[in-house]
Each structure stands twice: as C-alpha cells, then as structure tokens.
PDB file of N, CA and C in Angstrom:
ATOM      1  N   MET A   1      -8.318  -2.653 -68.841  1.00  0.00           N
ATOM      2  CA  MET A   1      -7.315  -2.660 -69.872  1.00  0.00           C
ATOM      3  C   MET A   1      -7.747  -3.551 -71.034  1.00  0.00           C
ATOM      4  N   ALA A   2      -8.446  -4.629 -70.702  1.00  0.00           N
ATOM      5  CA  ALA A   2      -8.933  -5.505 -71.769  1.00  0.00           C
ATOM      6  C   ALA A   2      -9.957  -4.762 -72.621  1.00  0.00           C
ATOM      7  N   LEU A   3     -10.790  -3.954 -71.979  1.00  0.00           N
ATOM      8  CA  LEU A   3     -11.784  -3.193 -72.745  1.00  0.00           C
ATOM      9  C   LEU A   3     -11.114  -2.178 -73.665  1.00  0.00           C
ATOM     10  N   THR A   4      -9.982  -1.629 -73.241  1.00  0.00           N
ATOM     11  CA  THR A   4      -9.241  -0.708 -74.106  1.00  0.00           C
ATOM     12  C   THR A   4      -8.736  -1.427 -75.348  1.00  0.00           C
ATOM     13  N   SER A   5      -8.268  -2.648 -75.177  1.00  0.00           N
ATOM     14  CA  SER A   5      -7.810  -3.428 -76.328  1.00  0.00           C
ATOM     15  C   SER A   5      -8.950  -3.644 -77.318  1.00  0.00           C
ATOM     16  N   PHE A   6     -10.131  -3.954 -76.788  1.00  0.00           N
ATOM     17  CA  PHE A   6     -11.267  -4.180 -77.675  1.00  0.00           C
ATOM     18  C   PHE A   6     -11.807  -2.878 -78.255  1.00  0.00           C
ATOM     19  N   ALA A   7     -11.592  -1.750 -77.562  1.00  0.00           N
ATOM     20  CA  ALA A   7     -11.978  -0.452 -78.116  1.00  0.00           C
ATOM     21  C   ALA A   7     -11.112  -0.111 -79.330  1.00  0.00           C
ATOM     22  N   VAL A   8      -9.836  -0.490 -79.291  1.00  0.00           N
ATOM     23  CA  VAL A   8      -8.959  -0.281 -80.454  1.00  0.00           C
ATOM     24  C   VAL A   8      -9.471  -1.101 -81.634  1.00  0.00           C
ATOM     25  N   LEU A   9      -9.930  -2.316 -81.365  1.00  0.00           N
ATOM     26  CA  LEU A   9     -10.489  -3.143 -82.439  1.00  0.00           C
ATOM     27  C   LEU A   9     -11.743  -2.497 -83.035  1.00  0.00           C
ATOM     28  N   ALA A  10     -12.607  -1.958 -82.183  1.00  0.00           N
ATOM     29  CA  ALA A  10     -13.817  -1.302 -82.674  1.00  0.00           C
ATOM     30  C   ALA A  10     -13.473  -0.058 -83.493  1.00  0.00           C
ATOM     31  N   PHE A  11     -12.480   0.701 -83.036  1.00  0.00           N
ATOM     32  CA  PHE A  11     -12.048   1.882 -83.778  1.00  0.00           C
ATOM     33  C   PHE A  11     -11.495   1.489 -85.141  1.00  0.00           C
ATOM     34  N   ALA A  12     -10.698   0.410 -85.176  1.00  0.00           N
ATOM     35  CA  ALA A  12     -10.120  -0.048 -86.438  1.00  0.00           C
ATOM     36  C   ALA A  12     -11.209  -0.495 -87.395  1.00  0.00           C
ATOM     37  N   ALA A  13     -12.225  -1.179 -86.886  1.00  0.00           N
ATOM     38  CA  ALA A  13     -13.316  -1.633 -87.749  1.00  0.00           C
ATOM     39  C   ALA A  13     -14.127  -0.455 -88.282  1.00  0.00           C
ATOM     40  N   LYS A  14     -14.307   0.560 -87.452  1.00  0.00           N
ATOM     41  CA  LYS A  14     -15.100   1.723 -87.859  1.00  0.00           C
ATOM     42  C   LYS A  14     -14.382   2.553 -88.927  1.00  0.00           C
ATOM     43  N   HIS A  15     -13.071   2.657 -88.802  1.00  0.00           N
ATOM     44  CA  HIS A  15     -12.310   3.531 -89.697  1.00  0.00           C
ATOM     45  C   HIS A  15     -11.549   2.754 -90.772  1.00  0.00           C
ATOM     46  N   ARG A  16     -11.895   1.512 -90.999  1.00  0.00           N
ATOM     47  CA  ARG A  16     -11.220   0.719 -92.020  1.00  0.00           C
ATOM     48  C   ARG A  16     -11.459   1.358 -93.396  1.00  0.00           C
ATOM     49  N   GLY A  17     -10.413   1.493 -94.157  1.00  0.00           N
ATOM     50  CA  GLY A  17     -10.518   2.051 -95.500  1.00  0.00           C
ATOM     51  C   GLY A  17     -10.273   3.548 -95.559  1.00  0.00           C
ATOM     52  N   GLN A  18     -10.178   4.210 -94.422  1.00  0.00           N
ATOM     53  CA  GLN A  18      -9.904   5.643 -94.412  1.00  0.00           C
ATOM     54  C   GLN A  18      -8.409   5.830 -94.199  1.00  0.00           C
ATOM     55  N   ALA A  19      -7.762   6.379 -95.185  1.00  0.00           N
ATOM     56  CA  ALA A  19      -6.306   6.515 -95.144  1.00  0.00           C
ATOM     57  C   ALA A  19      -5.874   7.423 -94.001  1.00  0.00           C
ATOM     58  N   GLY A  20      -4.892   6.983 -93.270  1.00  0.00           N
ATOM     59  CA  GLY A  20      -4.309   7.809 -92.222  1.00  0.00           C
ATOM     60  C   GLY A  20      -5.001   7.713 -90.877  1.00  0.00           C
ATOM     61  N   GLU A  21      -6.230   7.223 -90.812  1.00  0.00           N
ATOM     62  CA  GLU A  21      -6.948   7.190 -89.545  1.00  0.00           C
ATOM     63  C   GLU A  21      -6.981   5.803 -88.921  1.00  0.00           C
ATOM     64  N   ALA A  22      -7.099   4.778 -89.730  1.00  0.00           N
ATOM     65  CA  ALA A  22      -7.241   3.420 -89.203  1.00  0.00           C
ATOM     66  C   ALA A  22      -5.879   2.881 -88.761  1.00  0.00           C
ATOM     67  N   PRO A  23      -5.845   2.180 -87.632  1.00  0.00           N
ATOM     68  CA  PRO A  23      -4.585   1.560 -87.211  1.00  0.00           C
ATOM     69  C   PRO A  23      -4.164   0.478 -88.203  1.00  0.00           C
ATOM     70  N   SER A  24      -2.878   0.208 -88.236  1.00  0.00           N
ATOM     71  CA  SER A  24      -2.371  -0.816 -89.147  1.00  0.00           C
ATOM     72  C   SER A  24      -2.834  -2.196 -88.698  1.00  0.00           C
ATOM     73  N   ARG A  25      -2.631  -3.181 -89.564  1.00  0.00           N
ATOM     74  CA  ARG A  25      -3.025  -4.556 -89.223  1.00  0.00           C
ATOM     75  C   ARG A  25      -2.289  -5.059 -87.996  1.00  0.00           C
ATOM     76  N   TRP A  26      -1.027  -4.673 -87.841  1.00  0.00           N
ATOM     77  CA  TRP A  26      -0.243  -5.147 -86.698  1.00  0.00           C
ATOM     78  C   TRP A  26      -0.789  -4.591 -85.394  1.00  0.00           C
ATOM     79  N   VAL A  27      -1.247  -3.349 -85.409  1.00  0.00           N
ATOM     80  CA  VAL A  27      -1.860  -2.768 -84.213  1.00  0.00           C
ATOM     81  C   VAL A  27      -3.142  -3.514 -83.887  1.00  0.00           C
ATOM     82  N   THR A  28      -3.923  -3.837 -84.907  1.00  0.00           N
ATOM     83  CA  THR A  28      -5.169  -4.559 -84.700  1.00  0.00           C
ATOM     84  C   THR A  28      -4.912  -5.964 -84.155  1.00  0.00           C
ATOM     85  N   ILE A  29      -3.937  -6.662 -84.724  1.00  0.00           N
ATOM     86  CA  ILE A  29      -3.610  -8.016 -84.252  1.00  0.00           C
ATOM     87  C   ILE A  29      -3.073  -7.965 -82.821  1.00  0.00           C
ATOM     88  N   ALA A  30      -2.205  -6.997 -82.539  1.00  0.00           N
ATOM     89  CA  ALA A  30      -1.648  -6.872 -81.190  1.00  0.00           C
ATOM     90  C   ALA A  30      -2.746  -6.554 -80.176  1.00  0.00           C
ATOM     91  N   SER A  31      -3.699  -5.715 -80.552  1.00  0.00           N
ATOM     92  CA  SER A  31      -4.799  -5.387 -79.651  1.00  0.00           C
ATOM     93  C   SER A  31      -5.678  -6.599 -79.388  1.00  0.00           C
ATOM     94  N   LEU A  32      -5.932  -7.383 -80.411  1.00  0.00           N
ATOM     95  CA  LEU A  32      -6.738  -8.594 -80.240  1.00  0.00           C
ATOM     96  C   LEU A  32      -6.039  -9.586 -79.308  1.00  0.00           C
ATOM     97  N   LEU A  33      -4.765  -9.849 -79.569  1.00  0.00           N
ATOM     98  CA  LEU A  33      -4.025 -10.788 -78.728  1.00  0.00           C
ATOM     99  C   LEU A  33      -3.862 -10.264 -77.299  1.00  0.00           C
ATOM    100  N   GLY A  34      -3.630  -8.972 -77.169  1.00  0.00           N
ATOM    101  CA  GLY A  34      -3.509  -8.375 -75.839  1.00  0.00           C
ATOM    102  C   GLY A  34      -4.805  -8.463 -75.059  1.00  0.00           C
ATOM    103  N   GLY A  35      -5.923  -8.204 -75.732  1.00  0.00           N
ATOM    104  CA  GLY A  35      -7.223  -8.308 -75.067  1.00  0.00           C
ATOM    105  C   GLY A  35      -7.532  -9.723 -74.618  1.00  0.00           C
ATOM    106  N   ILE A  36      -7.211 -10.684 -75.462  1.00  0.00           N
ATOM    107  CA  ILE A  36      -7.427 -12.092 -75.096  1.00  0.00           C
ATOM    108  C   ILE A  36      -6.528 -12.468 -73.916  1.00  0.00           C
ATOM    109  N   GLY A  37      -5.286 -12.033 -73.948  1.00  0.00           N
ATOM    110  CA  GLY A  37      -4.371 -12.313 -72.842  1.00  0.00           C
ATOM    111  C   GLY A  37      -4.832 -11.688 -71.536  1.00  0.00           C
ATOM    112  N   LEU A  38      -5.314 -10.455 -71.597  1.00  0.00           N
ATOM    113  CA  LEU A  38      -5.792  -9.786 -70.387  1.00  0.00           C
ATOM    114  C   LEU A  38      -7.053 -10.444 -69.841  1.00  0.00           C
ATOM    115  N   LEU A  39      -7.920 -10.916 -70.715  1.00  0.00           N
ATOM    116  CA  LEU A  39      -9.096 -11.658 -70.245  1.00  0.00           C
ATOM    117  C   LEU A  39      -8.662 -12.971 -69.589  1.00  0.00           C
ATOM    118  N   GLY A  40      -7.608 -13.596 -70.109  1.00  0.00           N
ATOM    119  CA  GLY A  40      -7.073 -14.806 -69.480  1.00  0.00           C
ATOM    120  C   GLY A  40      -6.520 -14.526 -68.089  1.00  0.00           C
ATOM    121  N   VAL A  41      -5.807 -13.420 -67.949  1.00  0.00           N
ATOM    122  CA  VAL A  41      -5.288 -13.036 -66.630  1.00  0.00           C
ATOM    123  C   VAL A  41      -6.439 -12.760 -65.665  1.00  0.00           C
ATOM    124  N   LEU A  42      -7.490 -12.112 -66.140  1.00  0.00           N
ATOM    125  CA  LEU A  42      -8.667 -11.866 -65.304  1.00  0.00           C
ATOM    126  C   LEU A  42      -9.306 -13.177 -64.865  1.00  0.00           C
ATOM    127  N   ALA A  43      -9.417 -14.130 -65.770  1.00  0.00           N
ATOM    128  CA  ALA A  43     -10.008 -15.431 -65.434  1.00  0.00           C
ATOM    129  C   ALA A  43      -9.170 -16.160 -64.391  1.00  0.00           C
ATOM    130  N   ILE A  44      -7.863 -16.138 -64.546  1.00  0.00           N
ATOM    131  CA  ILE A  44      -6.983 -16.778 -63.560  1.00  0.00           C
ATOM    132  C   ILE A  44      -7.099 -16.080 -62.205  1.00  0.00           C
ATOM    133  N   SER A  45      -7.199 -14.760 -62.207  1.00  0.00           N
ATOM    134  CA  SER A  45      -7.332 -14.019 -60.950  1.00  0.00           C
ATOM    135  C   SER A  45      -8.624 -14.363 -60.234  1.00  0.00           C
ATOM    136  N   VAL A  46      -9.723 -14.438 -60.989  1.00  0.00           N
ATOM    137  CA  VAL A  46     -11.012 -14.798 -60.381  1.00  0.00           C
ATOM    138  C   VAL A  46     -10.962 -16.239 -59.875  1.00  0.00           C
ATOM    139  N   TRP A  47     -10.343 -17.125 -60.634  1.00  0.00           N
ATOM    140  CA  TRP A  47     -10.249 -18.529 -60.246  1.00  0.00           C
ATOM    141  C   TRP A  47      -9.463 -18.691 -58.941  1.00  0.00           C
ATOM    142  N   ASN A  48      -8.397 -17.894 -58.770  1.00  0.00           N
ATOM    143  CA  ASN A  48      -7.535 -18.003 -57.589  1.00  0.00           C
ATOM    144  C   ASN A  48      -7.909 -17.045 -56.466  1.00  0.00           C
ATOM    145  N   PHE A  49      -8.983 -16.294 -56.614  1.00  0.00           N
ATOM    146  CA  PHE A  49      -9.367 -15.311 -55.602  1.00  0.00           C
ATOM    147  C   PHE A  49      -9.583 -15.941 -54.224  1.00  0.00           C
ATOM    148  N   PRO A  50     -10.233 -17.105 -54.100  1.00  0.00           N
ATOM    149  CA  PRO A  50     -10.387 -17.702 -52.767  1.00  0.00           C
ATOM    150  C   PRO A  50      -9.040 -18.015 -52.092  1.00  0.00           C
ATOM    151  N   PHE A  51      -8.035 -18.410 -52.859  1.00  0.00           N
ATOM    152  CA  PHE A  51      -6.715 -18.662 -52.283  1.00  0.00           C
ATOM    153  C   PHE A  51      -6.075 -17.370 -51.784  1.00  0.00           C
ATOM    154  N   LEU A  52      -6.339 -16.285 -52.481  1.00  0.00           N
ATOM    155  CA  LEU A  52      -5.757 -14.998 -52.129  1.00  0.00           C
ATOM    156  C   LEU A  52      -6.314 -14.470 -50.809  1.00  0.00           C
ATOM    157  N   VAL A  53      -7.626 -14.598 -50.593  1.00  0.00           N
ATOM    158  CA  VAL A  53      -8.254 -14.003 -49.417  1.00  0.00           C
ATOM    159  C   VAL A  53      -8.463 -14.996 -48.282  1.00  0.00           C
ATOM    160  N   GLY A  54      -8.178 -16.266 -48.477  1.00  0.00           N
ATOM    161  CA  GLY A  54      -8.200 -17.202 -47.376  1.00  0.00           C
ATOM    162  C   GLY A  54      -9.424 -18.074 -47.253  1.00  0.00           C
ATOM    163  N   GLY A  55     -10.124 -18.351 -48.329  1.00  0.00           N
ATOM    164  CA  GLY A  55     -11.240 -19.289 -48.257  1.00  0.00           C
ATOM    165  C   GLY A  55     -12.441 -18.834 -49.054  1.00  0.00           C
ATOM    166  N   GLY A  56     -13.408 -19.751 -49.163  1.00  0.00           N
ATOM    167  CA  GLY A  56     -14.593 -19.490 -49.975  1.00  0.00           C
ATOM    168  C   GLY A  56     -15.499 -18.414 -49.404  1.00  0.00           C
ATOM    169  N   ALA A  57     -15.727 -18.442 -48.082  1.00  0.00           N
ATOM    170  CA  ALA A  57     -16.604 -17.439 -47.474  1.00  0.00           C
ATOM    171  C   ALA A  57     -15.983 -16.051 -47.571  1.00  0.00           C
ATOM    172  N   ALA A  58     -14.690 -15.951 -47.320  1.00  0.00           N
ATOM    173  CA  ALA A  58     -14.005 -14.662 -47.434  1.00  0.00           C
ATOM    174  C   ALA A  58     -14.016 -14.167 -48.877  1.00  0.00           C
ATOM    175  N   ALA A  59     -13.924 -15.089 -49.833  1.00  0.00           N
ATOM    176  CA  ALA A  59     -13.946 -14.689 -51.238  1.00  0.00           C
ATOM    177  C   ALA A  59     -15.297 -14.090 -51.601  1.00  0.00           C
ATOM    178  N   VAL A  60     -16.374 -14.673 -51.074  1.00  0.00           N
ATOM    179  CA  VAL A  60     -17.705 -14.135 -51.356  1.00  0.00           C
ATOM    180  C   VAL A  60     -17.847 -12.745 -50.743  1.00  0.00           C
ATOM    181  N   ILE A  61     -17.423 -12.590 -49.498  1.00  0.00           N
ATOM    182  CA  ILE A  61     -17.536 -11.290 -48.822  1.00  0.00           C
ATOM    183  C   ILE A  61     -16.704 -10.231 -49.540  1.00  0.00           C
ATOM    184  N   TRP A  62     -15.436 -10.539 -49.807  1.00  0.00           N
ATOM    185  CA  TRP A  62     -14.580  -9.568 -50.484  1.00  0.00           C
ATOM    186  C   TRP A  62     -15.027  -9.314 -51.924  1.00  0.00           C
ATOM    187  N   GLY A  63     -15.551 -10.321 -52.570  1.00  0.00           N
ATOM    188  CA  GLY A  63     -16.092 -10.125 -53.913  1.00  0.00           C
ATOM    189  C   GLY A  63     -17.252  -9.158 -53.908  1.00  0.00           C
ATOM    190  N   LEU A  64     -18.161  -9.297 -52.933  1.00  0.00           N
ATOM    191  CA  LEU A  64     -19.291  -8.369 -52.824  1.00  0.00           C
ATOM    192  C   LEU A  64     -18.821  -6.959 -52.491  1.00  0.00           C
ATOM    193  N   ILE A  65     -17.802  -6.853 -51.643  1.00  0.00           N
ATOM    194  CA  ILE A  65     -17.256  -5.529 -51.328  1.00  0.00           C
ATOM    195  C   ILE A  65     -16.655  -4.887 -52.571  1.00  0.00           C
ATOM    196  N   LEU A  66     -15.891  -5.659 -53.342  1.00  0.00           N
ATOM    197  CA  LEU A  66     -15.285  -5.111 -54.563  1.00  0.00           C
ATOM    198  C   LEU A  66     -16.339  -4.659 -55.568  1.00  0.00           C
ATOM    199  N   VAL A  67     -17.366  -5.477 -55.763  1.00  0.00           N
ATOM    200  CA  VAL A  67     -18.437  -5.111 -56.698  1.00  0.00           C
ATOM    201  C   VAL A  67     -19.186  -3.888 -56.183  1.00  0.00           C
ATOM    202  N   GLY A  68     -19.437  -3.827 -54.882  1.00  0.00           N
ATOM    203  CA  GLY A  68     -20.124  -2.675 -54.302  1.00  0.00           C
ATOM    204  C   GLY A  68     -19.348  -1.380 -54.467  1.00  0.00           C
ATOM    205  N   VAL A  69     -18.040  -1.440 -54.232  1.00  0.00           N
ATOM    206  CA  VAL A  69     -17.208  -0.247 -54.401  1.00  0.00           C
ATOM    207  C   VAL A  69     -17.171   0.179 -55.863  1.00  0.00           C
ATOM    208  N   PHE A  70     -17.073  -0.779 -56.760  1.00  0.00           N
ATOM    209  CA  PHE A  70     -17.068  -0.468 -58.189  1.00  0.00           C
ATOM    210  C   PHE A  70     -18.374   0.205 -58.603  1.00  0.00           C
ATOM    211  N   LEU A  71     -19.506  -0.380 -58.212  1.00  0.00           N
ATOM    212  CA  LEU A  71     -20.801   0.201 -58.575  1.00  0.00           C
ATOM    213  C   LEU A  71     -21.008   1.559 -57.908  1.00  0.00           C
ATOM    214  N   GLY A  72     -20.553   1.687 -56.663  1.00  0.00           N
ATOM    215  CA  GLY A  72     -20.651   2.980 -55.996  1.00  0.00           C
ATOM    216  C   GLY A  72     -19.865   4.053 -56.731  1.00  0.00           C
ATOM    217  N   GLY A  73     -18.693   3.710 -57.212  1.00  0.00           N
ATOM    218  CA  GLY A  73     -17.889   4.663 -57.972  1.00  0.00           C
ATOM    219  C   GLY A  73     -18.519   5.038 -59.296  1.00  0.00           C
ATOM    220  N   MET A  74     -19.250   4.105 -59.880  1.00  0.00           N
ATOM    221  CA  MET A  74     -19.918   4.409 -61.157  1.00  0.00           C
ATOM    222  C   MET A  74     -21.039   5.430 -60.982  1.00  0.00           C
ATOM    223  N   PHE A  75     -21.697   5.395 -59.817  1.00  0.00           N
ATOM    224  CA  PHE A  75     -22.869   6.237 -59.638  1.00  0.00           C
ATOM    225  C   PHE A  75     -22.592   7.511 -58.846  1.00  0.00           C
ATOM    226  N   LEU A  76     -21.338   7.761 -58.497  1.00  0.00           N
ATOM    227  CA  LEU A  76     -21.013   9.022 -57.830  1.00  0.00           C
ATOM    228  C   LEU A  76     -21.203  10.168 -58.811  1.00  0.00           C
ATOM    229  N   PRO A  77     -21.620  11.328 -58.334  1.00  0.00           N
ATOM    230  CA  PRO A  77     -21.773  12.467 -59.254  1.00  0.00           C
ATOM    231  C   PRO A  77     -20.423  12.877 -59.822  1.00  0.00           C
ATOM    232  N   GLN A  78     -20.436  13.258 -61.077  1.00  0.00           N
ATOM    233  CA  GLN A  78     -19.214  13.657 -61.769  1.00  0.00           C
ATOM    234  C   GLN A  78     -19.039  15.168 -61.663  1.00  0.00           C
ATOM    235  N   ARG A  79     -17.793  15.585 -61.532  1.00  0.00           N
ATOM    236  CA  ARG A  79     -17.510  17.023 -61.547  1.00  0.00           C
ATOM    237  C   ARG A  79     -17.536  17.513 -62.980  1.00  0.00           C
ATOM    238  N   ASP A  80     -17.930  18.755 -63.167  1.00  0.00           N
ATOM    239  CA  ASP A  80     -17.883  19.368 -64.485  1.00  0.00           C
ATOM    240  C   ASP A  80     -16.469  19.883 -64.690  1.00  0.00           C
ATOM    241  N   VAL A  81     -15.714  19.190 -65.517  1.00  0.00           N
ATOM    242  CA  VAL A  81     -14.319  19.547 -65.734  1.00  0.00           C
ATOM    243  C   VAL A  81     -14.229  20.395 -66.986  1.00  0.00           C
ATOM    244  N   THR A  82     -13.675  21.579 -66.823  1.00  0.00           N
ATOM    245  CA  THR A  82     -13.511  22.495 -67.940  1.00  0.00           C
ATOM    246  C   THR A  82     -12.147  22.265 -68.566  1.00  0.00           C
ATOM    247  N   PRO A  83     -12.055  22.267 -69.898  1.00  0.00           N
ATOM    248  CA  PRO A  83     -10.737  22.119 -70.530  1.00  0.00           C
ATOM    249  C   PRO A  83      -9.783  23.217 -70.079  1.00  0.00           C
ATOM    250  N   ALA A  84      -8.507  22.889 -70.033  1.00  0.00           N
ATOM    251  CA  ALA A  84      -7.499  23.824 -69.543  1.00  0.00           C
ATOM    252  C   ALA A  84      -7.478  25.104 -70.368  1.00  0.00           C
ATOM    253  N   SER A  85      -7.711  25.018 -71.677  1.00  0.00           N
ATOM    254  CA  SER A  85      -7.679  26.221 -72.508  1.00  0.00           C
ATOM    255  C   SER A  85      -8.819  27.159 -72.144  1.00  0.00           C
ATOM    256  N   ALA A  86     -10.007  26.624 -71.847  1.00  0.00           N
ATOM    257  CA  ALA A  86     -11.133  27.464 -71.459  1.00  0.00           C
ATOM    258  C   ALA A  86     -10.895  28.051 -70.075  1.00  0.00           C
ATOM    259  N   ALA A  87     -10.261  27.298 -69.196  1.00  0.00           N
ATOM    260  CA  ALA A  87      -9.983  27.798 -67.850  1.00  0.00           C
ATOM    261  C   ALA A  87      -8.984  28.946 -67.909  1.00  0.00           C
ATOM    262  N   ARG A  88      -8.011  28.873 -68.817  1.00  0.00           N
ATOM    263  CA  ARG A  88      -7.030  29.956 -68.936  1.00  0.00           C
ATOM    264  C   ARG A  88      -7.681  31.230 -69.436  1.00  0.00           C
ATOM    265  N   GLU A  89      -8.691  31.119 -70.293  1.00  0.00           N
ATOM    266  CA  GLU A  89      -9.340  32.305 -70.827  1.00  0.00           C
ATOM    267  C   GLU A  89     -10.175  33.030 -69.780  1.00  0.00           C
ATOM    268  N   THR A  90     -10.663  32.346 -68.780  1.00  0.00           N
ATOM    269  CA  THR A  90     -11.538  32.964 -67.801  1.00  0.00           C
ATOM    270  C   THR A  90     -10.788  33.484 -66.578  1.00  0.00           C
ATOM    271  N   VAL A  91      -9.487  33.256 -66.515  1.00  0.00           N
ATOM    272  CA  VAL A  91      -8.717  33.718 -65.368  1.00  0.00           C
ATOM    273  C   VAL A  91      -8.508  35.214 -65.485  1.00  0.00           C
ATOM    274  N   VAL A  92      -8.818  35.925 -64.407  1.00  0.00           N
ATOM    275  CA  VAL A  92      -8.610  37.370 -64.374  1.00  0.00           C
ATOM    276  C   VAL A  92      -7.404  37.634 -63.506  1.00  0.00           C
ATOM    277  N   SER A  93      -6.402  38.254 -64.090  1.00  0.00           N
ATOM    278  CA  SER A  93      -5.201  38.544 -63.310  1.00  0.00           C
ATOM    279  C   SER A  93      -5.404  39.847 -62.549  1.00  0.00           C
ATOM    280  N   PRO A  94      -4.963  39.881 -61.308  1.00  0.00           N
ATOM    281  CA  PRO A  94      -5.126  41.105 -60.517  1.00  0.00           C
ATOM    282  C   PRO A  94      -4.215  42.207 -61.031  1.00  0.00           C
ATOM    283  N   GLU A  95      -4.695  43.456 -60.859  1.00  0.00           N
ATOM    284  CA  GLU A  95      -3.871  44.594 -61.269  1.00  0.00           C
ATOM    285  C   GLU A  95      -2.780  44.820 -60.238  1.00  0.00           C
ATOM    286  N   PRO A  96      -1.612  45.217 -60.678  1.00  0.00           N
ATOM    287  CA  PRO A  96      -0.559  45.545 -59.710  1.00  0.00           C
ATOM    288  C   PRO A  96      -1.000  46.716 -58.830  1.00  0.00           C
ATOM    289  N   GLU A  97      -0.491  46.778 -57.602  1.00  0.00           N
ATOM    290  CA  GLU A  97      -0.904  47.830 -56.675  1.00  0.00           C
ATOM    291  C   GLU A  97      -0.484  49.211 -57.123  1.00  0.00           C
ATOM    292  N   ASP A  98       0.601  49.310 -57.870  1.00  0.00           N
ATOM    293  CA  ASP A  98       1.088  50.630 -58.285  1.00  0.00           C
ATOM    294  C   ASP A  98       0.518  51.053 -59.640  1.00  0.00           C
ATOM    295  N   ALA A  99      -0.391  50.280 -60.224  1.00  0.00           N
ATOM    296  CA  ALA A  99      -0.985  50.656 -61.510  1.00  0.00           C
ATOM    297  C   ALA A  99      -2.049  51.719 -61.276  1.00  0.00           C
ATOM    298  N   PRO A 100      -2.174  52.653 -62.224  1.00  0.00           N
ATOM    299  CA  PRO A 100      -3.212  53.678 -62.072  1.00  0.00           C
ATOM    300  C   PRO A 100      -4.597  53.074 -62.175  1.00  0.00           C
ATOM    301  N   SER A 101      -5.503  53.633 -61.451  1.00  0.00           N
ATOM    302  CA  SER A 101      -6.868  53.122 -61.403  1.00  0.00           C
ATOM    303  C   SER A 101      -7.597  53.539 -62.678  1.00  0.00           C
ATOM    304  N   ALA A 102      -8.519  52.697 -63.126  1.00  0.00           N
ATOM    305  CA  ALA A 102      -9.272  52.962 -64.349  1.00  0.00           C
ATOM    306  C   ALA A 102     -10.474  53.833 -64.076  1.00  0.00           C
ATOM    307  N   ARG A 103     -10.680  54.259 -62.867  1.00  0.00           N
ATOM    308  CA  ARG A 103     -11.858  55.077 -62.507  1.00  0.00           C
ATOM    309  C   ARG A 103     -11.700  56.456 -62.942  1.00  0.00           C
TER     310      ARG A 103
END
C-alpha cells in the first residue's frame, strides 16, 4: 500500500502541467503523507515482530518463511489473462436443438 502511495506521486510528477490528467496538489500531499504513515506502520510492525511470534529465534524463522513465500509468489508462472471483452468475442453459443441445420 505504501508503494501505491508513492506510485501516485510518480504519476503526478510525470503528468504535471497536463490539464485534466495530473492529480491535484491535495491528492499529491495526501499520497505523500499516507505513504510516510504506512512506512511508519511497517517499521513498527517489524520492530515488534519478535513480540508477536514469541521471541528472537521464532522471529528469524518466521521472517525467513515470510520472505520465502513472498519470493516464491513472485516467481510463480503467470496465467495469460484475456480481457473480458476479448473473451466475449470468442465465445461460440451452441445452436438450439430445434434449429435447422446449415448443411
């Protein structure tokens, strides 16, 4: 979520000066403050992780498991997802049984 906040900032910087496309200053300020706040929450969570899992050794083990699952998910093969509009165009509806044959 913090990366999304910073992506809004990057989008605003890229489209600055283009009427209608760039977010307003308030959106940019809110995204900056939100990103900083979310990074603070992440820091507090990492700082308190040993208390959550019951000690330093457990924190190391669970931390490695979390990082491993995250990296494993990044490298899984992606499905080729077709947009819904293209999928609707390729659907062939069956002919009713009582329709005359085209033969």
